[in-house]
Amino acid sequence: MTACADHYEHHLAPVYLWMAGGPQAALQAGRAEIEALALPLGPGSCVVDLGAGFGMHAIPMAQAGASVVAIDSSPLLLRTLDELRGAEPVRGVCDDLLAFPIHLTEAPDAILCMGDTITHLPDAGAVASLVQSAAAMLRRGGSFVVSLRDYSEPLLGDQRFIPVRGDDMRLLTCFLEYEATSVLVHDILHERTADGWTTRVSHYRKLRLATGELLALMESGGFEVRREAGVRGLVRLVAARR
């Protein structure tokens, strides 16, 4: 298990649904984001969700009629997805994002990589490989949608402390340390127990991937790309395979 996958499985995955506001709020937010994309999700369509987590986007896409292959590295998050999906056609797969082609039996109509998932890849070469695989696997005219946070310009001073969520029982804050090609993300989790407050800290690296660099990579890989504002301060690139 990579350092990033280990961080998610043992530190963030147990509280990830809480971070997103609970299942109802999370799925409602995911549904709104999918509807805004206006993807062709009728019966018979096939979609791949990379970094699917607990199904924030995968489940609404399945409810819209698509058959969804949901790839994630966290067994815990995929178990949560399986509990939440009910009878919806979502197939959870525990694997590395770059391995998604081996889990497909047909050319997908869309591939999604949402919520800053792409910056979890280890290096620029892995990003290029993902773009190439998406272009190779999608049907002509299919969509490749990526949302990311642009870390190319570093935050300074107190801006590096980012409150994620807090309530009477739990508080999560992250702290960013900028390196040459990556940002070291420290997730600081305080939880109230019967014996008082506890603190757990874990960290992992994200790529400092500039939006313009990714857009150029997608265009050179055979996509027509439009850039738009995403949710929660993310940038969204919506690409159609030529």
Protein backbone atom coordinates (compact mmCIF):
# COMPACT_ATOMS: atom_id res chain seq x y z
CA MET A 1 0.00 0.00 0.00
CA THR A 2 1.41 3.43 -0.95
CA ALA A 3 1.82 6.18 1.64
CA CYS A 4 -1.17 8.00 0.15
CA ALA A 5 -3.37 4.89 0.17
CA ASP A 6 -2.30 4.07 3.73
CA HIS A 7 -3.13 7.61 4.86
CA TYR A 8 -6.62 7.37 3.41
CA GLU A 9 -7.38 3.86 4.60
CA HIS A 10 -6.29 4.35 8.22
CA HIS A 11 -6.66 8.09 8.85
CA LEU A 12 -9.27 9.67 6.56
CA ALA A 13 -11.50 6.82 5.35
CA PRO A 14 -13.07 6.22 8.80
CA VAL A 15 -14.25 9.86 8.89
CA TYR A 16 -14.65 10.59 5.17
CA LEU A 17 -18.43 10.41 5.09
CA TRP A 18 -18.54 12.74 8.12
CA MET A 19 -16.16 15.13 6.29
CA ALA A 20 -18.67 15.30 3.42
CA GLY A 21 -21.57 16.14 5.73
CA GLY A 22 -23.11 12.68 6.00
CA PRO A 23 -24.58 10.40 3.32
CA GLN A 24 -27.66 12.42 2.41
CA ALA A 25 -25.83 15.74 2.04
CA ALA A 26 -22.90 14.13 0.23
CA LEU A 27 -25.02 12.31 -2.34
CA GLN A 28 -27.16 15.39 -2.89
CA ALA A 29 -24.03 17.46 -3.57
CA GLY A 30 -22.66 14.77 -5.88
CA ARG A 31 -25.97 14.61 -7.76
CA ALA A 32 -25.98 18.38 -8.29
CA GLU A 33 -22.44 18.26 -9.67
CA ILE A 34 -23.28 15.39 -12.05
CA GLU A 35 -26.44 17.12 -13.27
CA ALA A 36 -24.43 20.27 -14.01
CA LEU A 37 -22.16 18.25 -16.30
CA ALA A 38 -25.14 17.04 -18.39
CA LEU A 39 -23.41 13.77 -19.28
CA PRO A 40 -25.26 11.15 -21.38
CA LEU A 41 -26.17 8.82 -18.52
CA GLY A 42 -29.19 6.97 -19.83
CA PRO A 43 -29.75 3.20 -19.74
CA GLY A 44 -26.95 1.34 -21.49
CA SER A 45 -24.30 3.97 -20.79
CA CYS A 46 -21.06 2.98 -19.07
CA VAL A 47 -19.08 5.29 -16.79
CA VAL A 48 -15.81 4.94 -14.87
CA ASP A 49 -15.39 6.84 -11.59
CA LEU A 50 -11.72 7.09 -10.58
CA GLY A 51 -11.20 7.70 -6.88
CA ALA A 52 -14.87 6.93 -6.29
CA GLY A 53 -14.62 6.79 -2.50
CA PHE A 54 -17.99 6.11 -0.87
CA GLY A 55 -19.85 6.82 -4.12
CA MET A 56 -20.56 10.56 -3.97
CA HIS A 57 -20.66 10.71 -7.77
CA ALA A 58 -20.93 7.03 -8.70
CA ILE A 59 -24.27 6.47 -6.98
CA PRO A 60 -26.04 9.51 -8.54
CA MET A 61 -24.73 8.46 -11.97
CA ALA A 62 -26.13 4.97 -11.46
CA GLN A 63 -29.43 6.45 -10.31
CA ALA A 64 -29.48 8.39 -13.60
CA GLY A 65 -29.28 5.13 -15.55
CA ALA A 66 -25.57 4.48 -16.07
CA SER A 67 -23.63 1.34 -15.25
CA VAL A 68 -20.69 2.53 -13.14
CA VAL A 69 -17.26 1.02 -12.49
CA ALA A 70 -16.04 2.65 -9.27
CA ILE A 71 -12.27 2.45 -8.71
CA ASP A 72 -10.69 3.29 -5.35
CA SER A 73 -7.69 2.19 -3.30
CA SER A 74 -9.61 2.09 0.01
CA PRO A 75 -11.42 -1.14 0.91
CA LEU A 76 -13.20 0.71 3.72
CA LEU A 77 -14.60 3.42 1.43
CA LEU A 78 -15.68 0.81 -1.12
CA ARG A 79 -17.52 -1.12 1.59
CA THR A 80 -19.34 2.11 2.48
CA LEU A 81 -20.19 2.59 -1.20
CA ASP A 82 -21.61 -0.92 -1.34
CA GLU A 83 -23.81 -0.18 1.68
CA LEU A 84 -25.07 3.11 0.23
CA ARG A 85 -25.71 2.05 -3.36
CA GLY A 86 -28.60 -0.31 -2.62
CA ALA A 87 -29.56 -2.04 -5.86
CA GLU A 88 -27.95 0.58 -8.12
CA PRO A 89 -25.56 -0.79 -10.80
CA VAL A 90 -22.23 0.26 -9.28
CA ARG A 91 -19.32 -2.20 -9.34
CA GLY A 92 -16.67 -1.29 -6.80
CA VAL A 93 -13.07 -2.22 -7.62
CA CYS A 94 -10.17 -1.88 -5.19
CA ASP A 95 -7.13 -1.03 -7.29
CA ASP A 96 -4.75 1.71 -8.34
CA LEU A 97 -6.28 4.37 -10.59
CA LEU A 98 -3.88 3.62 -13.42
CA ALA A 99 -5.06 0.01 -13.53
CA PHE A 100 -8.62 0.93 -14.49
CA PRO A 101 -8.41 -0.35 -18.12
CA ILE A 102 -8.07 -3.98 -17.01
CA HIS A 103 -11.42 -3.75 -15.21
CA LEU A 104 -13.42 -2.66 -18.27
CA THR A 105 -15.37 -4.93 -20.59
CA GLU A 106 -16.53 -2.15 -22.95
CA ALA A 107 -15.52 1.34 -24.02
CA PRO A 108 -16.95 3.79 -21.48
CA ASP A 109 -19.03 6.82 -22.40
CA ALA A 110 -17.37 8.87 -19.67
CA ILE A 111 -14.46 8.71 -17.24
CA LEU A 112 -14.54 10.93 -14.16
CA CYS A 113 -11.65 11.78 -11.83
CA MET A 114 -13.20 14.23 -9.39
CA GLY A 115 -12.45 15.88 -6.07
CA ASP A 116 -8.71 16.53 -6.56
CA THR A 117 -8.05 12.81 -6.99
CA ILE A 118 -5.61 13.32 -9.86
CA THR A 119 -3.11 15.15 -7.61
CA HIS A 120 -2.81 11.95 -5.56
CA LEU A 121 -0.87 10.33 -8.42
CA PRO A 122 2.84 9.96 -7.65
CA ASP A 123 4.36 12.08 -10.42
CA ALA A 124 3.83 13.86 -13.73
CA GLY A 125 4.52 10.66 -15.64
CA ALA A 126 1.59 8.97 -13.91
CA VAL A 127 -0.67 11.89 -14.84
CA ALA A 128 0.39 11.56 -18.48
CA SER A 129 -0.28 7.80 -18.35
CA LEU A 130 -3.78 8.40 -16.97
CA VAL A 131 -4.60 10.88 -19.73
CA GLN A 132 -3.29 8.47 -22.37
CA SER A 133 -5.32 5.58 -20.93
CA ALA A 134 -8.47 7.69 -20.83
CA ALA A 135 -8.02 8.64 -24.48
CA ALA A 136 -7.37 5.03 -25.46
CA MET A 137 -10.33 3.57 -23.57
CA LEU A 138 -13.10 6.13 -24.19
CA ARG A 139 -15.42 5.79 -27.13
CA ARG A 140 -15.11 8.58 -29.70
CA GLY A 141 -16.95 11.62 -28.39
CA GLY A 142 -16.78 10.31 -24.83
CA SER A 143 -16.08 12.62 -21.89
CA PHE A 144 -13.10 12.77 -19.53
CA VAL A 145 -13.89 15.02 -16.57
CA VAL A 146 -11.24 16.03 -14.03
CA SER A 147 -11.59 18.39 -11.09
CA LEU A 148 -8.51 19.49 -9.18
CA ARG A 149 -7.06 22.06 -6.85
CA ASP A 150 -4.22 24.04 -8.40
CA TYR A 151 -1.27 23.99 -5.99
CA SER A 152 1.19 25.66 -8.38
CA GLU A 153 1.03 28.95 -6.44
CA PRO A 154 1.80 28.29 -2.76
CA LEU A 155 -0.32 29.56 0.09
CA LEU A 156 1.65 31.57 2.63
CA GLY A 157 1.68 31.92 6.39
CA ASP A 158 -1.63 31.26 8.13
CA GLN A 159 -3.29 30.48 4.78
CA ARG A 160 -1.62 27.07 4.96
CA PHE A 161 -3.92 26.07 7.86
CA ILE A 162 -7.24 24.95 6.35
CA PRO A 163 -10.24 24.02 8.52
CA VAL A 164 -12.07 21.08 6.94
CA ARG A 165 -14.96 20.40 9.31
CA GLY A 166 -15.76 20.52 13.00
CA ASP A 167 -18.56 19.69 15.42
CA ASP A 168 -18.94 18.89 19.12
CA MET A 169 -17.24 15.51 18.71
CA ARG A 170 -14.64 15.96 16.00
CA LEU A 171 -12.41 18.62 14.41
CA LEU A 172 -10.33 18.19 11.25
CA THR A 173 -7.76 20.70 10.03
CA CYS A 174 -5.11 20.31 7.36
CA PHE A 175 -1.76 22.06 7.12
CA LEU A 176 0.17 22.43 3.85
CA GLU A 177 3.94 22.37 3.34
CA TYR A 178 5.08 23.21 -0.17
CA GLU A 179 7.94 21.32 -1.81
CA ALA A 180 9.40 21.72 -5.30
CA THR A 181 6.96 19.45 -7.14
CA SER A 182 4.54 18.41 -4.39
CA VAL A 183 2.68 19.65 -1.36
CA LEU A 184 2.88 17.77 1.92
CA VAL A 185 -0.63 17.61 3.40
CA HIS A 186 -0.89 17.09 7.16
CA ASP A 187 -4.37 16.07 8.34
CA ILE A 188 -4.84 16.86 12.04
CA LEU A 189 -7.83 15.07 13.55
CA HIS A 190 -9.12 15.82 17.07
CA GLU A 191 -11.83 13.50 18.44
CA ARG A 192 -13.74 13.57 21.72
CA THR A 193 -13.79 10.28 23.63
CA ALA A 194 -15.09 9.24 27.04
CA ASP A 195 -11.63 10.05 28.43
CA GLY A 196 -11.31 13.45 26.74
CA TRP A 197 -9.92 14.71 23.45
CA THR A 198 -7.46 12.72 21.36
CA THR A 199 -5.29 13.93 18.48
CA ARG A 200 -4.08 11.95 15.49
CA VAL A 201 -1.87 13.36 12.74
CA SER A 202 -0.97 11.80 9.40
CA HIS A 203 0.42 13.18 6.16
CA TYR A 204 0.77 12.40 2.47
CA ARG A 205 1.93 14.14 -0.70
CA LYS A 206 -0.08 15.69 -3.51
CA LEU A 207 1.28 16.86 -6.83
CA ARG A 208 1.65 20.57 -7.48
CA LEU A 209 -0.15 20.13 -10.78
CA ALA A 210 -0.92 23.36 -12.63
CA THR A 211 -4.29 23.45 -14.35
CA GLY A 212 -2.73 24.81 -17.54
CA GLU A 213 -0.25 21.94 -17.68
CA LEU A 214 -3.01 19.35 -17.37
CA LEU A 215 -5.17 21.13 -19.94
CA ALA A 216 -2.30 21.14 -22.45
CA LEU A 217 -1.61 17.47 -21.75
CA MET A 218 -5.25 16.58 -22.41
CA GLU A 219 -5.35 18.60 -25.64
CA SER A 220 -2.17 16.96 -26.92
CA GLY A 221 -3.66 13.58 -25.99
CA GLY A 222 -6.60 13.95 -28.36
CA PHE A 223 -9.19 15.84 -26.32
CA GLU A 224 -11.11 19.05 -26.85
CA VAL A 225 -11.12 20.68 -23.42
CA ARG A 226 -13.09 23.40 -21.71
CA ARG A 227 -12.16 24.86 -18.34
CA GLU A 228 -14.77 25.89 -15.80
CA ALA A 229 -15.18 26.61 -12.11
CA GLY A 230 -15.82 23.55 -9.99
CA VAL A 231 -17.21 23.24 -6.48
CA ARG A 232 -15.34 24.02 -3.23
CA GLY A 233 -12.70 26.10 -5.02
CA LEU A 234 -11.71 23.36 -7.47
CA VAL A 235 -11.12 23.82 -11.19
CA ARG A 236 -12.96 21.48 -13.57
CA LEU A 237 -11.70 20.36 -16.97
CA VAL A 238 -14.34 18.78 -19.20
CA ALA A 239 -12.78 17.03 -22.19
CA ALA A 240 -14.33 15.31 -25.20
CA ARG A 241 -12.36 12.65 -27.06
CA ARG A 242 -11.84 13.62 -30.68
